Amino acid sequence: MFTTALAQREKTQLGELPLDLFAAIQSLKKELNAVILAHYYQEPDIQDIADFIGDSLQLAKAAEKTNADAIVFAGVHFMAETAKILNPDKLVLLPDLNAGCSLADSCPAEEFAAFKAAHPDHLVVSYINCSADIKAMSDIICTSSNAVKIVQQIPKEQPIIFAPDRNLGRYVMEQTERDLVLWQGSCVVHETFSEKKIVQLKIAHPEAEAIAHPECESSVLRHASFIGSTAALLKYCQNSPTKEFIVATEPGIIHQMQKLAPDKHFIPAPPMNNCACNECPFMRLNTLEKLYWAMKNRTPKITMSENIRLAALRPMQRMLEMSV
């Protein structure tokens, strides 16, 4: 059933793969009393077997509320860390520990500590796409779903550092008319979309709406009729009378868009080069095979020091309180 090179390699390294991975994963889920959480950018097979699919805010809320003994996080490292921050006594598994995040990597803890020290009177609002170390240095965490709402709740006289995504920060500045001090981090996927190619697509598909994630550069956002988080983009496509969309975010979301609106046509926004650069290479490190082995062997698991976890928990709790 599974004859990919990856499956063959893992078969040699880790043992015999079951013929029906879906059934085997369901069996392991019962054995572990586990919940499988998956981001919209995961491969379709993982999305289809997940108990809950969502964006960063939805997944954080799902992780906080789960009664499972184990959380299998099909996403990237900072997402699994977030689940561990909220659930210190649960086993949190990530199918591939190398599933990192270019945005999180663009904000090293030591450099950010110096940046924060240079602005001692500033409140730190950090996008959830950051490491546990950065969360621990933050006052409030936000996601692309609630960043504007959270900044609007902070008194206007309070200066703010916004980290690590400069594009989301710039978008929040425009929406709130606040002057934020931005850390200059970015996502390699959301910065790869070609404005020129999007314009060409709009000419070729005059009835299509362009929709975009706020992590995209402003040159791309200005061509979008709707800007929002992955969950907001999904909801918008469902409710809009438009039948065709140009989607400027990681194309993994299109699997859910097509399932929820099968009568509509979704066109992934193209990158600048003729490559698959609009696909997150870190998200795609997770596979159904790796998810099976993680559950089978109870590893790789997420760990962190209790001091970091507690420091990171406080701004996470503030986000959840301010997102009600």
C-alpha atoms as a PDB file:
ATOM      1  CA  MET A   1       0.000   0.000   0.000  1.00  0.00           C
ATOM      2  CA  PHE A   2       2.810   2.404   0.903  1.00  0.00           C
ATOM      3  CA  THR A   3       5.701   2.021  -1.521  1.00  0.00           C
ATOM      4  CA  THR A   4       7.418   5.391  -1.305  1.00  0.00           C
ATOM      5  CA  ALA A   5      11.179   5.617  -0.837  1.00  0.00           C
ATOM      6  CA  LEU A   6      10.559   7.081   2.613  1.00  0.00           C
ATOM      7  CA  ALA A   7       8.377   4.144   3.628  1.00  0.00           C
ATOM      8  CA  GLN A   8      10.970   1.662   2.368  1.00  0.00           C
ATOM      9  CA  ARG A   9      13.763   3.451   4.245  1.00  0.00           C
ATOM     10  CA  GLU A  10      11.780   3.559   7.476  1.00  0.00           C
ATOM     11  CA  LYS A  11      10.839  -0.087   7.041  1.00  0.00           C
ATOM     12  CA  THR A  12      14.536  -0.947   7.049  1.00  0.00           C
ATOM     13  CA  GLN A  13      15.497   1.397   9.889  1.00  0.00           C
ATOM     14  CA  LEU A  14      12.591   0.995  12.291  1.00  0.00           C
ATOM     15  CA  GLY A  15      10.924  -2.311  11.473  1.00  0.00           C
ATOM     16  CA  GLU A  16       8.000  -3.587   9.464  1.00  0.00           C
ATOM     17  CA  LEU A  17       5.270  -1.082   8.651  1.00  0.00           C
ATOM     18  CA  PRO A  18       1.695  -2.356   8.948  1.00  0.00           C
ATOM     19  CA  LEU A  19      -0.202  -2.715   5.675  1.00  0.00           C
ATOM     20  CA  ASP A  20      -2.998  -0.450   6.891  1.00  0.00           C
ATOM     21  CA  LEU A  21      -1.386   2.558   8.559  1.00  0.00           C
ATOM     22  CA  PHE A  22      -4.710   4.262   9.187  1.00  0.00           C
ATOM     23  CA  ALA A  23      -6.040   1.291  11.182  1.00  0.00           C
ATOM     24  CA  ALA A  24      -2.720   0.896  13.029  1.00  0.00           C
ATOM     25  CA  ILE A  25      -2.698   4.563  14.052  1.00  0.00           C
ATOM     26  CA  GLN A  26      -6.292   4.338  15.263  1.00  0.00           C
ATOM     27  CA  SER A  27      -5.336   1.313  17.374  1.00  0.00           C
ATOM     28  CA  LEU A  28      -2.332   3.115  18.870  1.00  0.00           C
ATOM     29  CA  LYS A  29      -4.493   6.135  19.590  1.00  0.00           C
ATOM     30  CA  LYS A  30      -6.769   4.001  21.775  1.00  0.00           C
ATOM     31  CA  GLU A  31      -3.801   2.313  23.443  1.00  0.00           C
ATOM     32  CA  LEU A  32      -2.204   5.661  24.343  1.00  0.00           C
ATOM     33  CA  ASN A  33      -5.477   7.506  24.967  1.00  0.00           C
ATOM     34  CA  ALA A  34      -4.043  10.013  22.517  1.00  0.00           C
ATOM     35  CA  VAL A  35      -5.424  12.909  20.518  1.00  0.00           C
ATOM     36  CA  ILE A  36      -3.948  13.800  17.126  1.00  0.00           C
ATOM     37  CA  LEU A  37      -3.775  17.533  16.441  1.00  0.00           C
ATOM     38  CA  ALA A  38      -2.857  18.660  12.931  1.00  0.00           C
ATOM     39  CA  HIS A  39      -2.210  22.010  11.322  1.00  0.00           C
ATOM     40  CA  TYR A  40      -3.892  22.915   8.042  1.00  0.00           C
ATOM     41  CA  TYR A  41      -0.492  22.818   6.316  1.00  0.00           C
ATOM     42  CA  GLN A  42       0.019  19.086   6.901  1.00  0.00           C
ATOM     43  CA  GLU A  43      -0.240  16.537   4.075  1.00  0.00           C
ATOM     44  CA  PRO A  44      -3.817  15.388   3.280  1.00  0.00           C
ATOM     45  CA  ASP A  45      -3.436  11.902   4.825  1.00  0.00           C
ATOM     46  CA  ILE A  46      -2.453  13.399   8.175  1.00  0.00           C
ATOM     47  CA  GLN A  47      -5.283  15.925   8.029  1.00  0.00           C
ATOM     48  CA  ASP A  48      -7.742  13.117   7.326  1.00  0.00           C
ATOM     49  CA  ILE A  49      -6.670  11.003  10.317  1.00  0.00           C
ATOM     50  CA  ALA A  50      -6.419  13.903  12.794  1.00  0.00           C
ATOM     51  CA  ASP A  51      -8.944  14.353  15.600  1.00  0.00           C
ATOM     52  CA  PHE A  52      -8.686  18.121  15.264  1.00  0.00           C
ATOM     53  CA  ILE A  53      -7.410  20.340  12.458  1.00  0.00           C
ATOM     54  CA  GLY A  54      -6.832  24.039  12.951  1.00  0.00           C
ATOM     55  CA  ASP A  55      -4.619  27.090  12.865  1.00  0.00           C
ATOM     56  CA  SER A  56      -2.304  28.060  15.713  1.00  0.00           C
ATOM     57  CA  LEU A  57      -5.006  29.613  17.915  1.00  0.00           C
ATOM     58  CA  GLN A  58      -7.464  26.763  17.385  1.00  0.00           C
ATOM     59  CA  LEU A  59      -4.766  24.184  18.087  1.00  0.00           C
ATOM     60  CA  ALA A  60      -3.626  25.992  21.251  1.00  0.00           C
ATOM     61  CA  LYS A  61      -7.207  25.984  22.528  1.00  0.00           C
ATOM     62  CA  ALA A  62      -7.645  22.311  21.604  1.00  0.00           C
ATOM     63  CA  ALA A  63      -4.398  21.428  23.413  1.00  0.00           C
ATOM     64  CA  GLU A  64      -5.522  23.337  26.505  1.00  0.00           C
ATOM     65  CA  LYS A  65      -8.898  21.550  26.663  1.00  0.00           C
ATOM     66  CA  THR A  66      -7.955  17.967  25.815  1.00  0.00           C
ATOM     67  CA  ASN A  67      -8.515  15.172  28.325  1.00  0.00           C
ATOM     68  CA  ALA A  68      -6.201  12.799  26.457  1.00  0.00           C
ATOM     69  CA  ASP A  69      -3.097  11.388  28.131  1.00  0.00           C
ATOM     70  CA  ALA A  70      -0.963  11.964  25.032  1.00  0.00           C
ATOM     71  CA  ILE A  71      -0.915  14.652  22.344  1.00  0.00           C
ATOM     72  CA  VAL A  72       0.456  13.740  18.935  1.00  0.00           C
ATOM     73  CA  PHE A  73       1.172  17.066  17.258  1.00  0.00           C
ATOM     74  CA  ALA A  74       1.324  16.968  13.479  1.00  0.00           C
ATOM     75  CA  GLY A  75       2.780  20.398  12.931  1.00  0.00           C
ATOM     76  CA  VAL A  76       6.092  22.091  13.642  1.00  0.00           C
ATOM     77  CA  HIS A  77       8.247  22.246  16.762  1.00  0.00           C
ATOM     78  CA  PHE A  78       6.935  25.484  18.276  1.00  0.00           C
ATOM     79  CA  MET A  79       3.365  24.131  18.051  1.00  0.00           C
ATOM     80  CA  ALA A  80       4.265  20.962  19.930  1.00  0.00           C
ATOM     81  CA  GLU A  81       6.150  23.106  22.474  1.00  0.00           C
ATOM     82  CA  THR A  82       2.986  25.161  22.950  1.00  0.00           C
ATOM     83  CA  ALA A  83       1.032  21.989  23.683  1.00  0.00           C
ATOM     84  CA  LYS A  84       3.650  20.975  26.267  1.00  0.00           C
ATOM     85  CA  ILE A  85       3.593  24.425  27.877  1.00  0.00           C
ATOM     86  CA  LEU A  86      -0.151  24.021  28.382  1.00  0.00           C
ATOM     87  CA  ASN A  87       0.024  20.318  29.332  1.00  0.00           C
ATOM     88  CA  PRO A  88       3.153  19.633  31.426  1.00  0.00           C
ATOM     89  CA  ASP A  89       1.946  16.226  32.632  1.00  0.00           C
ATOM     90  CA  LYS A  90       0.995  14.865  29.205  1.00  0.00           C
ATOM     91  CA  LEU A  91       3.159  13.035  26.719  1.00  0.00           C
ATOM     92  CA  VAL A  92       3.586  15.334  23.695  1.00  0.00           C
ATOM     93  CA  LEU A  93       4.943  13.711  20.541  1.00  0.00           C
ATOM     94  CA  LEU A  94       6.166  15.345  17.337  1.00  0.00           C
ATOM     95  CA  PRO A  95       6.593  12.957  14.372  1.00  0.00           C
ATOM     96  CA  ASP A  96       9.853  14.637  13.293  1.00  0.00           C
ATOM     97  CA  LEU A  97      11.913  16.810  15.659  1.00  0.00           C
ATOM     98  CA  ASN A  98      13.490  18.486  12.619  1.00  0.00           C
ATOM     99  CA  ALA A  99      10.107  19.999  11.735  1.00  0.00           C
ATOM    100  CA  GLY A 100      11.151  23.496  12.755  1.00  0.00           C
ATOM    101  CA  CYS A 101      10.065  26.921  11.539  1.00  0.00           C
ATOM    102  CA  SER A 102      12.014  29.534   9.586  1.00  0.00           C
ATOM    103  CA  LEU A 103      10.142  32.302  11.387  1.00  0.00           C
ATOM    104  CA  ALA A 104      10.914  30.914  14.844  1.00  0.00           C
ATOM    105  CA  ASP A 105      14.545  30.401  13.795  1.00  0.00           C
ATOM    106  CA  SER A 106      14.782  34.045  12.705  1.00  0.00           C
ATOM    107  CA  CYS A 107      14.491  35.136  16.348  1.00  0.00           C
ATOM    108  CA  PRO A 108      17.404  33.691  18.394  1.00  0.00           C
ATOM    109  CA  ALA A 109      16.838  33.966  22.147  1.00  0.00           C
ATOM    110  CA  GLU A 110      20.118  35.744  23.019  1.00  0.00           C
ATOM    111  CA  GLU A 111      19.668  38.374  20.295  1.00  0.00           C
ATOM    112  CA  PHE A 112      16.065  38.968  21.249  1.00  0.00           C
ATOM    113  CA  ALA A 113      17.003  39.352  24.923  1.00  0.00           C
ATOM    114  CA  ALA A 114      19.387  42.159  23.944  1.00  0.00           C
ATOM    115  CA  PHE A 115      16.727  43.738  21.718  1.00  0.00           C
ATOM    116  CA  LYS A 116      14.211  43.641  24.574  1.00  0.00           C
ATOM    117  CA  ALA A 117      16.761  45.130  26.998  1.00  0.00           C
ATOM    118  CA  ALA A 118      17.238  48.062  24.614  1.00  0.00           C
ATOM    119  CA  HIS A 119      13.497  48.859  24.965  1.00  0.00           C
ATOM    120  CA  PRO A 120      12.916  48.420  28.719  1.00  0.00           C
ATOM    121  CA  ASP A 121       9.592  50.276  28.832  1.00  0.00           C
ATOM    122  CA  HIS A 122       8.014  48.202  26.038  1.00  0.00           C
ATOM    123  CA  LEU A 123       5.445  45.451  26.404  1.00  0.00           C
ATOM    124  CA  VAL A 124       6.400  42.374  24.356  1.00  0.00           C
ATOM    125  CA  VAL A 125       3.700  40.853  22.157  1.00  0.00           C
ATOM    126  CA  SER A 126       5.050  37.768  20.400  1.00  0.00           C
ATOM    127  CA  TYR A 127       3.463  35.836  17.584  1.00  0.00           C
ATOM    128  CA  ILE A 128       2.957  32.212  18.606  1.00  0.00           C
ATOM    129  CA  ASN A 129       5.359  31.175  15.815  1.00  0.00           C
ATOM    130  CA  CYS A 130       8.346  31.450  18.141  1.00  0.00           C
ATOM    131  CA  SER A 131      10.335  29.222  20.478  1.00  0.00           C
ATOM    132  CA  ALA A 132       9.495  28.563  24.116  1.00  0.00           C
ATOM    133  CA  ASP A 133      12.486  30.756  25.048  1.00  0.00           C
ATOM    134  CA  ILE A 134      10.970  33.734  23.213  1.00  0.00           C
ATOM    135  CA  LYS A 135       7.546  33.073  24.714  1.00  0.00           C
ATOM    136  CA  ALA A 136       9.200  33.107  28.140  1.00  0.00           C
ATOM    137  CA  MET A 137      10.499  36.643  27.437  1.00  0.00           C
ATOM    138  CA  SER A 138       7.084  37.861  26.258  1.00  0.00           C
ATOM    139  CA  ASP A 139       4.193  39.544  28.033  1.00  0.00           C
ATOM    140  CA  ILE A 140       1.439  38.349  25.698  1.00  0.00           C
ATOM    141  CA  ILE A 141       1.353  35.775  22.903  1.00  0.00           C
ATOM    142  CA  CYS A 142      -0.837  36.268  19.842  1.00  0.00           C
ATOM    143  CA  THR A 143      -1.719  34.436  16.648  1.00  0.00           C
ATOM    144  CA  SER A 144      -2.617  35.738  13.212  1.00  0.00           C
ATOM    145  CA  SER A 145      -6.267  35.204  14.223  1.00  0.00           C
ATOM    146  CA  ASN A 146      -6.155  37.496  17.238  1.00  0.00           C
ATOM    147  CA  ALA A 147      -3.101  39.774  16.873  1.00  0.00           C
ATOM    148  CA  VAL A 148      -5.160  42.852  15.966  1.00  0.00           C
ATOM    149  CA  LYS A 149      -7.698  42.167  18.729  1.00  0.00           C
ATOM    150  CA  ILE A 150      -4.972  41.761  21.355  1.00  0.00           C
ATOM    151  CA  VAL A 151      -3.057  44.912  20.406  1.00  0.00           C
ATOM    152  CA  GLN A 152      -6.326  46.876  20.436  1.00  0.00           C
ATOM    153  CA  GLN A 153      -6.812  45.874  24.086  1.00  0.00           C
ATOM    154  CA  ILE A 154      -3.461  47.347  25.162  1.00  0.00           C
ATOM    155  CA  PRO A 155      -3.559  51.012  26.285  1.00  0.00           C
ATOM    156  CA  LYS A 156      -2.436  53.340  23.486  1.00  0.00           C
ATOM    157  CA  GLU A 157       0.185  54.984  25.672  1.00  0.00           C
ATOM    158  CA  GLN A 158       1.932  51.644  26.243  1.00  0.00           C
ATOM    159  CA  PRO A 159       4.806  51.124  23.763  1.00  0.00           C
ATOM    160  CA  ILE A 160       4.967  47.646  22.242  1.00  0.00           C
ATOM    161  CA  ILE A 161       7.594  45.348  20.762  1.00  0.00           C
ATOM    162  CA  PHE A 162       6.047  42.980  18.230  1.00  0.00           C
ATOM    163  CA  ALA A 163       8.005  39.834  17.392  1.00  0.00           C
ATOM    164  CA  PRO A 164       9.085  37.914  15.440  1.00  0.00           C
ATOM    165  CA  ASP A 165       7.180  38.446  12.151  1.00  0.00           C
ATOM    166  CA  ARG A 166       7.689  41.861  10.554  1.00  0.00           C
ATOM    167  CA  ASN A 167       4.957  41.316   7.952  1.00  0.00           C
ATOM    168  CA  LEU A 168       2.271  40.410  10.476  1.00  0.00           C
ATOM    169  CA  GLY A 169       3.534  43.258  12.665  1.00  0.00           C
ATOM    170  CA  ARG A 170       3.242  45.703   9.787  1.00  0.00           C
ATOM    171  CA  TYR A 171      -0.296  44.479   9.094  1.00  0.00           C
ATOM    172  CA  VAL A 172      -1.242  44.916  12.774  1.00  0.00           C
ATOM    173  CA  MET A 173       0.181  48.449  12.710  1.00  0.00           C
ATOM    174  CA  GLU A 174      -2.017  49.310   9.722  1.00  0.00           C
ATOM    175  CA  GLN A 175      -5.142  47.823  11.281  1.00  0.00           C
ATOM    176  CA  THR A 176      -4.680  49.349  14.742  1.00  0.00           C
ATOM    177  CA  GLU A 177      -2.928  52.608  13.787  1.00  0.00           C
ATOM    178  CA  ARG A 178      -0.342  51.801  16.456  1.00  0.00           C
ATOM    179  CA  ASP A 179       3.391  52.385  16.193  1.00  0.00           C
ATOM    180  CA  LEU A 180       5.019  49.040  16.999  1.00  0.00           C
ATOM    181  CA  VAL A 181       8.727  48.261  17.313  1.00  0.00           C
ATOM    182  CA  LEU A 182       9.159  45.271  15.000  1.00  0.00           C
ATOM    183  CA  TRP A 183      11.614  42.409  15.228  1.00  0.00           C
ATOM    184  CA  GLN A 184      12.734  41.763  11.638  1.00  0.00           C
ATOM    185  CA  GLY A 185      11.829  38.091  11.300  1.00  0.00           C
ATOM    186  CA  SER A 186       9.852  36.459   8.489  1.00  0.00           C
ATOM    187  CA  CYS A 187       8.476  33.194   7.109  1.00  0.00           C
ATOM    188  CA  VAL A 188      10.283  31.866   4.030  1.00  0.00           C
ATOM    189  CA  VAL A 189       7.043  30.467   2.612  1.00  0.00           C
ATOM    190  CA  HIS A 190       4.943  33.593   2.956  1.00  0.00           C
ATOM    191  CA  GLU A 191       7.696  35.796   1.561  1.00  0.00           C
ATOM    192  CA  THR A 192       8.112  33.668  -1.556  1.00  0.00           C
ATOM    193  CA  PHE A 193       4.864  34.579  -3.317  1.00  0.00           C
ATOM    194  CA  SER A 194       5.309  36.545  -6.529  1.00  0.00           C
ATOM    195  CA  GLU A 195       3.287  39.746  -6.860  1.00  0.00           C
ATOM    196  CA  LYS A 196       3.820  39.673 -10.629  1.00  0.00           C
ATOM    197  CA  LYS A 197       2.514  36.110 -10.976  1.00  0.00           C
ATOM    198  CA  ILE A 198      -0.508  36.856  -8.764  1.00  0.00           C
ATOM    199  CA  VAL A 199      -1.386  39.813 -11.002  1.00  0.00           C
ATOM    200  CA  GLN A 200      -1.014  37.560 -14.035  1.00  0.00           C
ATOM    201  CA  LEU A 201      -3.314  34.986 -12.436  1.00  0.00           C
ATOM    202  CA  LYS A 202      -5.903  37.664 -11.689  1.00  0.00           C
ATOM    203  CA  ILE A 203      -5.834  38.704 -15.350  1.00  0.00           C
ATOM    204  CA  ALA A 204      -6.173  35.073 -16.476  1.00  0.00           C
ATOM    205  CA  HIS A 205      -8.957  34.440 -13.925  1.00  0.00           C
ATOM    206  CA  PRO A 206     -10.912  37.727 -13.776  1.00  0.00           C
ATOM    207  CA  GLU A 207     -13.686  36.224 -11.615  1.00  0.00           C
ATOM    208  CA  ALA A 208     -11.263  34.887  -8.991  1.00  0.00           C
ATOM    209  CA  GLU A 209     -10.727  36.520  -5.605  1.00  0.00           C
ATOM    210  CA  ALA A 210      -7.206  36.715  -4.225  1.00  0.00           C
ATOM    211  CA  ILE A 211      -7.040  35.910  -0.504  1.00  0.00           C
ATOM    212  CA  ALA A 212      -3.893  36.059   1.622  1.00  0.00           C
ATOM    213  CA  HIS A 213      -2.361  35.350   5.015  1.00  0.00           C
ATOM    214  CA  PRO A 214      -1.058  38.466   6.839  1.00  0.00           C
ATOM    215  CA  GLU A 215       2.447  36.938   6.982  1.00  0.00           C
ATOM    216  CA  CYS A 216       2.707  37.767   3.261  1.00  0.00           C
ATOM    217  CA  GLU A 217       4.545  40.884   2.179  1.00  0.00           C
ATOM    218  CA  SER A 218       2.541  44.081   1.709  1.00  0.00           C
ATOM    219  CA  SER A 219       3.094  43.925  -2.072  1.00  0.00           C
ATOM    220  CA  VAL A 220       1.038  40.707  -2.092  1.00  0.00           C
ATOM    221  CA  LEU A 221      -1.530  41.820   0.486  1.00  0.00           C
ATOM    222  CA  ARG A 222      -2.561  44.837  -1.571  1.00  0.00           C
ATOM    223  CA  HIS A 223      -3.961  42.510  -4.248  1.00  0.00           C
ATOM    224  CA  ALA A 224      -6.059  40.493  -1.770  1.00  0.00           C
ATOM    225  CA  SER A 225      -9.765  41.072  -1.319  1.00  0.00           C
ATOM    226  CA  PHE A 226      -9.561  39.271   2.032  1.00  0.00           C
ATOM    227  CA  ILE A 227      -6.672  38.915   4.505  1.00  0.00           C
ATOM    228  CA  GLY A 228      -6.812  36.522   7.438  1.00  0.00           C
ATOM    229  CA  SER A 229      -5.436  33.552   9.353  1.00  0.00           C
ATOM    230  CA  THR A 230      -5.649  30.087   7.832  1.00  0.00           C
ATOM    231  CA  ALA A 231      -8.893  29.435   9.712  1.00  0.00           C
ATOM    232  CA  ALA A 232     -10.318  32.789   8.597  1.00  0.00           C
ATOM    233  CA  LEU A 233      -9.359  32.117   4.964  1.00  0.00           C
ATOM    234  CA  LEU A 234     -11.090  28.750   5.136  1.00  0.00           C
ATOM    235  CA  LYS A 235     -14.269  30.239   6.576  1.00  0.00           C
ATOM    236  CA  TYR A 236     -14.257  33.069   4.045  1.00  0.00           C
ATOM    237  CA  CYS A 237     -14.072  30.650   1.107  1.00  0.00           C
ATOM    238  CA  GLN A 238     -16.992  28.682   2.475  1.00  0.00           C
ATOM    239  CA  ASN A 239     -19.211  31.721   2.903  1.00  0.00           C
ATOM    240  CA  SER A 240     -18.247  33.783  -0.140  1.00  0.00           C
ATOM    241  CA  PRO A 241     -20.446  33.498  -3.248  1.00  0.00           C
ATOM    242  CA  THR A 242     -17.251  33.586  -5.320  1.00  0.00           C
ATOM    243  CA  LYS A 243     -16.476  30.289  -7.072  1.00  0.00           C
ATOM    244  CA  GLU A 244     -12.734  30.745  -7.692  1.00  0.00           C
ATOM    245  CA  PHE A 245      -9.914  31.812  -5.376  1.00  0.00           C
ATOM    246  CA  ILE A 246      -6.198  32.543  -5.644  1.00  0.00           C
ATOM    247  CA  VAL A 247      -4.825  31.407  -2.277  1.00  0.00           C
ATOM    248  CA  ALA A 248      -1.691  33.128  -0.958  1.00  0.00           C
ATOM    249  CA  THR A 249      -0.689  30.913   1.931  1.00  0.00           C
ATOM    250  CA  GLU A 250       0.809  27.428   2.310  1.00  0.00           C
ATOM    251  CA  PRO A 251      -1.184  25.244  -0.133  1.00  0.00           C
ATOM    252  CA  GLY A 252      -1.862  22.500   2.439  1.00  0.00           C
ATOM    253  CA  ILE A 253      -4.977  24.496   3.407  1.00  0.00           C
ATOM    254  CA  ILE A 254      -6.473  23.843  -0.036  1.00  0.00           C
ATOM    255  CA  HIS A 255      -7.222  20.229   0.962  1.00  0.00           C
ATOM    256  CA  GLN A 256      -9.687  21.496   3.582  1.00  0.00           C
ATOM    257  CA  MET A 257     -11.006  24.235   1.309  1.00  0.00           C
ATOM    258  CA  GLN A 258     -11.809  21.670  -1.368  1.00  0.00           C
ATOM    259  CA  LYS A 259     -13.488  19.330   1.144  1.00  0.00           C
ATOM    260  CA  LEU A 260     -15.678  22.084   2.579  1.00  0.00           C
ATOM    261  CA  ALA A 261     -16.442  23.793  -0.740  1.00  0.00           C
ATOM    262  CA  PRO A 262     -16.212  21.060  -3.415  1.00  0.00           C
ATOM    263  CA  ASP A 263     -17.994  23.204  -5.984  1.00  0.00           C
ATOM    264  CA  LYS A 264     -15.272  25.872  -5.897  1.00  0.00           C
ATOM    265  CA  HIS A 265     -11.875  26.141  -7.566  1.00  0.00           C
ATOM    266  CA  PHE A 266      -8.746  26.993  -5.596  1.00  0.00           C
ATOM    267  CA  ILE A 267      -5.514  28.148  -7.229  1.00  0.00           C
ATOM    268  CA  PRO A 268      -2.346  28.171  -5.075  1.00  0.00           C
ATOM    269  CA  ALA A 269      -0.484  31.466  -5.373  1.00  0.00           C
ATOM    270  CA  PRO A 270       2.780  30.777  -7.196  1.00  0.00           C
ATOM    271  CA  PRO A 271       6.266  31.437  -5.808  1.00  0.00           C
ATOM    272  CA  MET A 272       8.781  33.687  -7.560  1.00  0.00           C
ATOM    273  CA  ASN A 273      10.728  30.754  -8.986  1.00  0.00           C
ATOM    274  CA  ASN A 274       9.583  27.560 -10.674  1.00  0.00           C
ATOM    275  CA  CYS A 275       9.810  25.501  -7.482  1.00  0.00           C
ATOM    276  CA  ALA A 276       7.663  24.136  -4.673  1.00  0.00           C
ATOM    277  CA  CYS A 277       8.817  27.013  -2.439  1.00  0.00           C
ATOM    278  CA  ASN A 278       5.215  27.836  -1.506  1.00  0.00           C
ATOM    279  CA  GLU A 279       5.142  24.529   0.415  1.00  0.00           C
ATOM    280  CA  CYS A 280       6.588  24.660   3.931  1.00  0.00           C
ATOM    281  CA  PRO A 281       9.547  22.250   3.927  1.00  0.00           C
ATOM    282  CA  PHE A 282       9.296  21.865   7.700  1.00  0.00           C
ATOM    283  CA  MET A 283       5.577  21.009   7.783  1.00  0.00           C
ATOM    284  CA  ARG A 284       6.166  18.434   5.043  1.00  0.00           C
ATOM    285  CA  LEU A 285       8.777  16.584   7.126  1.00  0.00           C
ATOM    286  CA  ASN A 286       5.913  14.963   9.011  1.00  0.00           C
ATOM    287  CA  THR A 287       4.490  11.898   7.256  1.00  0.00           C
ATOM    288  CA  LEU A 288       1.900   9.291   8.104  1.00  0.00           C
ATOM    289  CA  GLU A 289       4.713   6.773   8.548  1.00  0.00           C
ATOM    290  CA  LYS A 290       6.567   9.014  11.020  1.00  0.00           C
ATOM    291  CA  LEU A 291       3.344   9.673  12.901  1.00  0.00           C
ATOM    292  CA  TYR A 292       2.867   5.909  13.278  1.00  0.00           C
ATOM    293  CA  TRP A 293       6.436   5.345  14.522  1.00  0.00           C
ATOM    294  CA  ALA A 294       6.168   8.253  16.986  1.00  0.00           C
ATOM    295  CA  MET A 295       3.068   6.690  18.525  1.00  0.00           C
ATOM    296  CA  LYS A 296       4.497   3.178  18.404  1.00  0.00           C
ATOM    297  CA  ASN A 297       7.794   4.127  20.108  1.00  0.00           C
ATOM    298  CA  ARG A 298       6.519   7.077  22.237  1.00  0.00           C
ATOM    299  CA  THR A 299       9.215   9.272  20.744  1.00  0.00           C
ATOM    300  CA  PRO A 300      10.301  11.939  19.716  1.00  0.00           C
ATOM    301  CA  LYS A 301       8.778  13.647  22.725  1.00  0.00           C
ATOM    302  CA  ILE A 302       8.831  17.323  23.642  1.00  0.00           C
ATOM    303  CA  THR A 303      10.629  18.319  26.832  1.00  0.00           C
ATOM    304  CA  MET A 304      11.663  21.637  28.367  1.00  0.00           C
ATOM    305  CA  SER A 305      12.797  23.024  31.708  1.00  0.00           C
ATOM    306  CA  GLU A 306      10.030  23.848  34.176  1.00  0.00           C
ATOM    307  CA  ASN A 307      11.376  27.411  34.566  1.00  0.00           C
ATOM    308  CA  ILE A 308      10.999  28.078  30.838  1.00  0.00           C
ATOM    309  CA  ARG A 309       7.609  26.371  30.726  1.00  0.00           C
ATOM    310  CA  LEU A 310       6.181  28.445  33.579  1.00  0.00           C
ATOM    311  CA  ALA A 311       7.577  31.690  32.143  1.00  0.00           C
ATOM    312  CA  ALA A 312       6.111  30.844  28.723  1.00  0.00           C
ATOM    313  CA  LEU A 313       2.795  29.774  30.219  1.00  0.00           C
ATOM    314  CA  ARG A 314       1.931  33.227  31.592  1.00  0.00           C
ATOM    315  CA  PRO A 315       1.821  35.063  28.229  1.00  0.00           C
ATOM    316  CA  MET A 316       0.008  32.072  26.695  1.00  0.00           C
ATOM    317  CA  GLN A 317      -2.669  32.304  29.391  1.00  0.00           C
ATOM    318  CA  ARG A 318      -2.989  36.048  28.807  1.00  0.00           C
ATOM    319  CA  MET A 319      -3.587  35.376  25.108  1.00  0.00           C
ATOM    320  CA  LEU A 320      -6.293  32.820  25.841  1.00  0.00           C
ATOM    321  CA  GLU A 321      -7.955  35.186  28.326  1.00  0.00           C
ATOM    322  CA  MET A 322      -7.872  38.077  25.829  1.00  0.00           C
ATOM    323  CA  SER A 323      -9.184  35.907  22.976  1.00  0.00           C
ATOM    324  CA  VAL A 324     -12.528  35.035  24.570  1.00  0.00           C
END
